[in-house]
Amino acid sequence: MKNDLAYQSTDYTCAPATMVNALRYLFDRDEIRPDVLWSIFRASLDLYGPDGSFGGDGTSPDAMLSLVNTFNMYGESGQFPIRARLLRGEDALAGEPDGSGTPLRRAIESGLRNSDANQPTPARNHAGNVSDAGARRVGEAAHIAGPHAAGVARVWSNRMNGHYVLVTGFDAMPDGAPAVRVFDPYKDSKVDGARVRRIEHEPAQANRLIAASLFDSGERVPYVLVNDRYERRVIVIERGESD
C-alpha cells in the first residue's frame, strides 16, 4: 500500500518533505525503513535563519547532495533497494519528448515505461485541468504498476527562494506543449492557469502540471529550475531490485 504524498509542515521543510515524498512515491508503506527516514531528517535543515534559529533558512544544496551518498550506501550494502544520482546543468532539463530525451526525461520515463502501457489518457475539463475521472484512472493504473524513478528538483518558490518539488512524470499542456508533472509540498503555491496548472485527485502522484518551457527557462519565477552557483540541479532517486 502506498502513502499519499505529504505537504511540508513549515515554510522551511520542503527539502525533507520532498525527499520523504520520493520514498512514498517509489515504495510501499511497509517497505520504507525508519532509519532511512531518520537519515533524511538528520541531514536536513542545516541552514540558520536570519534570527539565528537553526534550520530557519531550510536545507542547503550540499546537505541534499549528502543524501545522494547516503542513499547509495544503503543500496550498495543491500540494506534498502535505492539508488540516487545528481543531474546538473543541461542534464537536469525536462527538454522535449523527441529523440533520446534529456537524462532527466530518460530516467523518469524509463521508470514509468511499464506502467504507461496500461494507463489511459487523462481527460481534461474545459479549464485545462485534469478531470476527476481521468485523474483517478491514471492514478490507479500507475499505482498498480509502481513507478521506479522520481526527481527531486530545486526550483524557485513564490517567495523567490530555492524550493524542492518532486518530478514524477511528463505529460502535455492542453495546447500539446510538453509539460512536467510534479508534486509541490507547499500547498498554497500559485497556479496561473496558463503555464502552471493544478492536477486534482492524484494525491499519491502529482498536484501540478508545469510547462516544460517554463521549467527549463532559467527565469526567476516560480517552478523554474534554479540556475545559480550550484547550477540547475535535480536528484534522481530510483527504486532498485529487492532481493
Protein backbone atom coordinates (compact mmCIF):
# COMPACT_ATOMS: atom_id res chain seq x y z
CA MET A 1 0.00 0.00 0.00
CA LYS A 2 1.37 3.42 -0.98
CA ASN A 3 1.08 6.53 1.18
CA ASP A 4 -0.29 9.74 -0.28
CA LEU A 5 2.36 12.39 -0.79
CA ALA A 6 2.66 14.88 2.06
CA TYR A 7 2.74 18.66 2.39
CA GLN A 8 5.51 20.40 4.30
CA SER A 9 4.86 21.24 7.94
CA THR A 10 6.58 24.66 7.91
CA ASP A 11 7.85 27.24 5.42
CA TYR A 12 11.33 25.74 5.72
CA THR A 13 10.82 21.98 5.35
CA CYS A 14 10.30 21.50 1.61
CA ALA A 15 13.58 19.57 1.30
CA PRO A 16 12.89 16.79 3.83
CA ALA A 17 9.22 16.70 2.79
CA THR A 18 10.18 16.14 -0.86
CA MET A 19 12.83 13.54 -0.04
CA VAL A 20 10.29 11.65 2.08
CA ASN A 21 7.76 12.02 -0.74
CA ALA A 22 10.24 10.36 -3.09
CA LEU A 23 10.20 7.33 -0.79
CA ARG A 24 6.42 7.43 -0.50
CA TYR A 25 6.12 7.59 -4.28
CA LEU A 26 8.54 4.74 -5.01
CA PHE A 27 7.93 2.34 -2.12
CA ASP A 28 5.02 0.75 -0.33
CA ARG A 29 4.46 1.90 3.23
CA ASP A 30 5.68 -1.36 4.76
CA GLU A 31 8.90 -1.22 2.69
CA ILE A 32 10.15 2.13 3.99
CA ARG A 33 12.78 1.72 6.70
CA PRO A 34 12.66 4.10 9.68
CA ASP A 35 16.44 4.57 9.62
CA VAL A 36 16.26 5.80 6.01
CA LEU A 37 13.70 8.38 7.10
CA TRP A 38 15.90 9.34 10.03
CA SER A 39 18.86 9.88 7.68
CA ILE A 40 16.79 12.41 5.72
CA PHE A 41 15.86 14.47 8.77
CA ARG A 42 19.38 14.22 10.21
CA ALA A 43 20.86 15.82 7.07
CA SER A 44 18.13 18.42 6.55
CA LEU A 45 17.54 21.90 7.98
CA ASP A 46 21.23 22.75 8.29
CA LEU A 47 20.91 26.47 7.46
CA TYR A 48 20.50 29.13 10.15
CA GLY A 49 17.72 31.68 9.77
CA PRO A 50 18.22 35.47 9.93
CA ASP A 51 17.31 35.38 13.61
CA GLY A 52 19.91 32.71 14.33
CA SER A 53 17.42 29.86 14.56
CA PHE A 54 18.84 26.51 13.49
CA GLY A 55 17.02 25.26 10.40
CA GLY A 56 15.31 28.62 9.95
CA ASP A 57 16.60 29.02 6.40
CA GLY A 58 15.91 25.47 5.27
CA THR A 59 18.29 22.94 3.76
CA SER A 60 21.44 23.60 1.75
CA PRO A 61 22.14 22.02 -1.65
CA ASP A 62 25.24 20.44 -0.11
CA ALA A 63 23.13 18.71 2.53
CA MET A 64 20.85 17.38 -0.19
CA LEU A 65 23.90 16.09 -2.05
CA SER A 66 25.00 14.23 1.07
CA LEU A 67 21.73 12.29 0.90
CA VAL A 68 22.72 11.02 -2.54
CA ASN A 69 25.72 9.36 -0.91
CA THR A 70 23.61 8.08 1.98
CA PHE A 71 21.02 6.50 -0.30
CA ASN A 72 23.72 4.86 -2.41
CA MET A 73 25.34 3.47 0.72
CA TYR A 74 22.03 1.81 1.62
CA GLY A 75 21.64 0.44 -1.90
CA GLU A 76 25.19 -0.83 -2.31
CA SER A 77 25.13 -2.54 1.09
CA GLY A 78 21.90 -4.35 0.23
CA GLN A 79 20.06 -2.83 3.18
CA PHE A 80 17.50 -0.96 1.08
CA PRO A 81 16.87 -1.10 -2.71
CA ILE A 82 17.58 2.52 -3.62
CA ARG A 83 19.94 4.42 -5.92
CA ALA A 84 20.47 8.17 -6.34
CA ARG A 85 22.43 10.47 -8.63
CA LEU A 86 22.74 14.18 -9.19
CA LEU A 87 21.95 15.71 -12.57
CA ARG A 88 23.45 19.16 -13.21
CA GLY A 89 23.10 21.85 -15.82
CA GLU A 90 21.56 20.76 -19.10
CA ASP A 91 21.25 17.17 -17.85
CA ALA A 92 18.61 18.42 -15.37
CA LEU A 93 16.34 19.93 -18.04
CA ALA A 94 12.97 18.42 -18.95
CA GLY A 95 13.56 19.07 -22.65
CA GLU A 96 11.40 17.80 -25.48
CA PRO A 97 9.91 14.31 -25.82
CA ASP A 98 11.55 13.90 -29.24
CA GLY A 99 14.67 11.82 -29.85
CA SER A 100 16.56 10.24 -26.98
CA GLY A 101 15.45 12.89 -24.48
CA THR A 102 17.41 14.56 -21.70
CA PRO A 103 18.99 12.48 -18.92
CA LEU A 104 16.19 13.61 -16.57
CA ARG A 105 13.47 12.65 -19.02
CA ARG A 106 15.09 9.28 -19.76
CA ALA A 107 15.45 8.47 -16.06
CA ILE A 108 11.84 9.28 -15.17
CA GLU A 109 10.28 7.78 -18.29
CA SER A 110 12.27 4.55 -18.04
CA GLY A 111 10.80 4.11 -14.57
CA LEU A 112 7.27 4.67 -15.89
CA ARG A 113 7.51 2.77 -19.20
CA ASN A 114 5.92 -0.44 -17.96
CA SER A 115 3.03 1.34 -16.26
CA ASP A 116 2.45 3.77 -19.15
CA ALA A 117 1.45 0.95 -21.47
CA ASN A 118 -1.53 0.24 -19.24
CA GLN A 119 -2.52 3.83 -18.43
CA PRO A 120 -5.47 5.54 -20.12
CA THR A 121 -5.04 9.08 -21.40
CA PRO A 122 -6.41 11.51 -18.78
CA ALA A 123 -9.47 13.53 -19.77
CA ARG A 124 -9.29 17.30 -19.24
CA ASN A 125 -12.06 19.69 -18.38
CA HIS A 126 -12.78 22.98 -20.16
CA ALA A 127 -10.28 24.84 -17.95
CA GLY A 128 -7.49 22.52 -18.97
CA ASN A 129 -7.18 20.80 -15.60
CA VAL A 130 -7.12 17.04 -15.49
CA SER A 131 -10.66 15.83 -14.84
CA ASP A 132 -11.62 13.87 -11.75
CA ALA A 133 -12.40 10.63 -13.58
CA GLY A 134 -9.34 10.87 -15.82
CA ALA A 135 -7.06 11.56 -12.88
CA ARG A 136 -8.42 8.62 -10.94
CA ARG A 137 -7.88 6.23 -13.88
CA VAL A 138 -4.32 7.39 -14.43
CA GLY A 139 -3.52 7.41 -10.73
CA GLU A 140 -4.92 3.93 -10.18
CA ALA A 141 -3.06 2.44 -13.14
CA ALA A 142 0.26 3.97 -12.12
CA HIS A 143 -0.31 2.94 -8.51
CA ILE A 144 -0.78 -0.70 -9.50
CA ALA A 145 2.23 -0.82 -11.83
CA GLY A 146 4.50 1.11 -9.48
CA PRO A 147 6.99 3.80 -10.57
CA HIS A 148 10.73 3.21 -10.38
CA ALA A 149 12.20 6.73 -10.52
CA ALA A 150 11.48 10.28 -9.39
CA GLY A 151 13.37 13.56 -9.41
CA VAL A 152 13.91 15.98 -6.53
CA ALA A 153 14.16 19.34 -8.31
CA ARG A 154 15.32 22.67 -6.91
CA VAL A 155 13.06 25.39 -8.31
CA TRP A 156 12.14 28.97 -7.44
CA SER A 157 9.33 29.37 -4.92
CA ASN A 158 6.65 32.06 -4.81
CA ARG A 159 8.94 33.99 -2.46
CA MET A 160 11.91 33.60 -4.83
CA ASN A 161 13.73 31.19 -2.55
CA GLY A 162 15.08 27.80 -3.51
CA HIS A 163 12.28 25.26 -3.15
CA TYR A 164 12.10 21.49 -3.71
CA VAL A 165 9.40 19.67 -5.66
CA LEU A 166 9.11 16.05 -6.78
CA VAL A 167 9.16 15.33 -10.51
CA THR A 168 7.04 12.24 -11.14
CA GLY A 169 6.46 12.24 -14.90
CA PHE A 170 5.84 14.09 -18.13
CA ASP A 171 2.65 14.99 -19.96
CA ALA A 172 1.36 17.77 -22.21
CA MET A 173 -0.39 21.08 -21.67
CA PRO A 174 -3.87 21.50 -23.22
CA ASP A 175 -2.23 23.01 -26.32
CA GLY A 176 0.01 19.97 -26.70
CA ALA A 177 3.19 21.62 -25.44
CA PRO A 178 5.46 19.37 -23.33
CA ALA A 179 4.83 19.53 -19.59
CA VAL A 180 6.29 18.24 -16.33
CA ARG A 181 4.21 16.53 -13.63
CA VAL A 182 5.31 17.45 -10.13
CA PHE A 183 4.16 17.26 -6.55
CA ASP A 184 4.70 20.58 -4.77
CA PRO A 185 4.75 20.15 -0.97
CA TYR A 186 3.78 23.80 -0.46
CA LYS A 187 0.01 23.65 -0.53
CA ASP A 188 -0.74 27.26 -1.46
CA SER A 189 1.70 27.68 -4.35
CA LYS A 190 0.26 29.85 -7.11
CA VAL A 191 -1.32 28.42 -10.26
CA ASP A 192 -1.58 30.81 -13.21
CA GLY A 193 -3.79 28.57 -15.35
CA ALA A 194 -1.51 29.02 -18.36
CA ARG A 195 1.99 27.71 -17.73
CA VAL A 196 1.17 26.17 -14.34
CA ARG A 197 -1.99 24.13 -13.83
CA ARG A 198 -3.42 22.26 -10.90
CA ILE A 199 -3.74 18.47 -11.04
CA GLU A 200 -6.68 17.25 -8.99
CA HIS A 201 -7.30 13.95 -7.23
CA GLU A 202 -3.86 12.35 -7.63
CA PRO A 203 -2.61 12.61 -4.03
CA ALA A 204 -0.05 9.84 -4.49
CA GLN A 205 1.23 11.13 -7.85
CA ALA A 206 1.24 14.87 -8.62
CA ASN A 207 -0.55 18.16 -7.94
CA ARG A 208 0.94 20.50 -10.58
CA LEU A 209 1.40 20.41 -14.35
CA ILE A 210 4.17 22.77 -15.44
CA ALA A 211 5.06 23.75 -18.99
CA ALA A 212 8.48 22.27 -19.76
CA SER A 213 9.45 25.53 -21.46
CA LEU A 214 8.89 27.31 -18.13
CA PHE A 215 10.61 24.64 -16.03
CA ASP A 216 13.74 24.86 -18.23
CA SER A 217 13.67 28.59 -18.95
CA GLY A 218 16.12 29.97 -16.40
CA GLU A 219 13.65 32.72 -15.46
CA ARG A 220 13.50 33.82 -11.84
CA VAL A 221 9.85 32.87 -11.41
CA PRO A 222 8.09 30.01 -9.57
CA TYR A 223 8.59 26.44 -10.81
CA VAL A 224 11.71 27.24 -12.84
CA LEU A 225 14.88 25.26 -12.09
CA VAL A 226 17.18 27.45 -10.02
CA ASN A 227 20.33 28.25 -12.01
CA ASP A 228 22.72 29.85 -9.51
CA ARG A 229 26.25 28.98 -8.42
CA TYR A 230 25.07 25.41 -7.84
CA GLU A 231 23.73 25.24 -11.41
CA ARG A 232 20.43 23.58 -12.22
CA ARG A 233 20.06 20.51 -10.01
CA VAL A 234 17.78 17.50 -9.93
CA ILE A 235 18.47 14.48 -7.75
CA VAL A 236 17.18 11.34 -9.45
CA ILE A 237 16.10 8.66 -6.97
CA GLU A 238 15.49 5.17 -8.30
CA ARG A 239 13.97 2.10 -6.80
CA GLY A 240 16.35 -0.84 -7.12
CA GLU A 241 15.53 -4.50 -7.28
CA SER A 242 14.66 -6.15 -3.98
CA ASP A 243 16.44 -9.35 -3.10
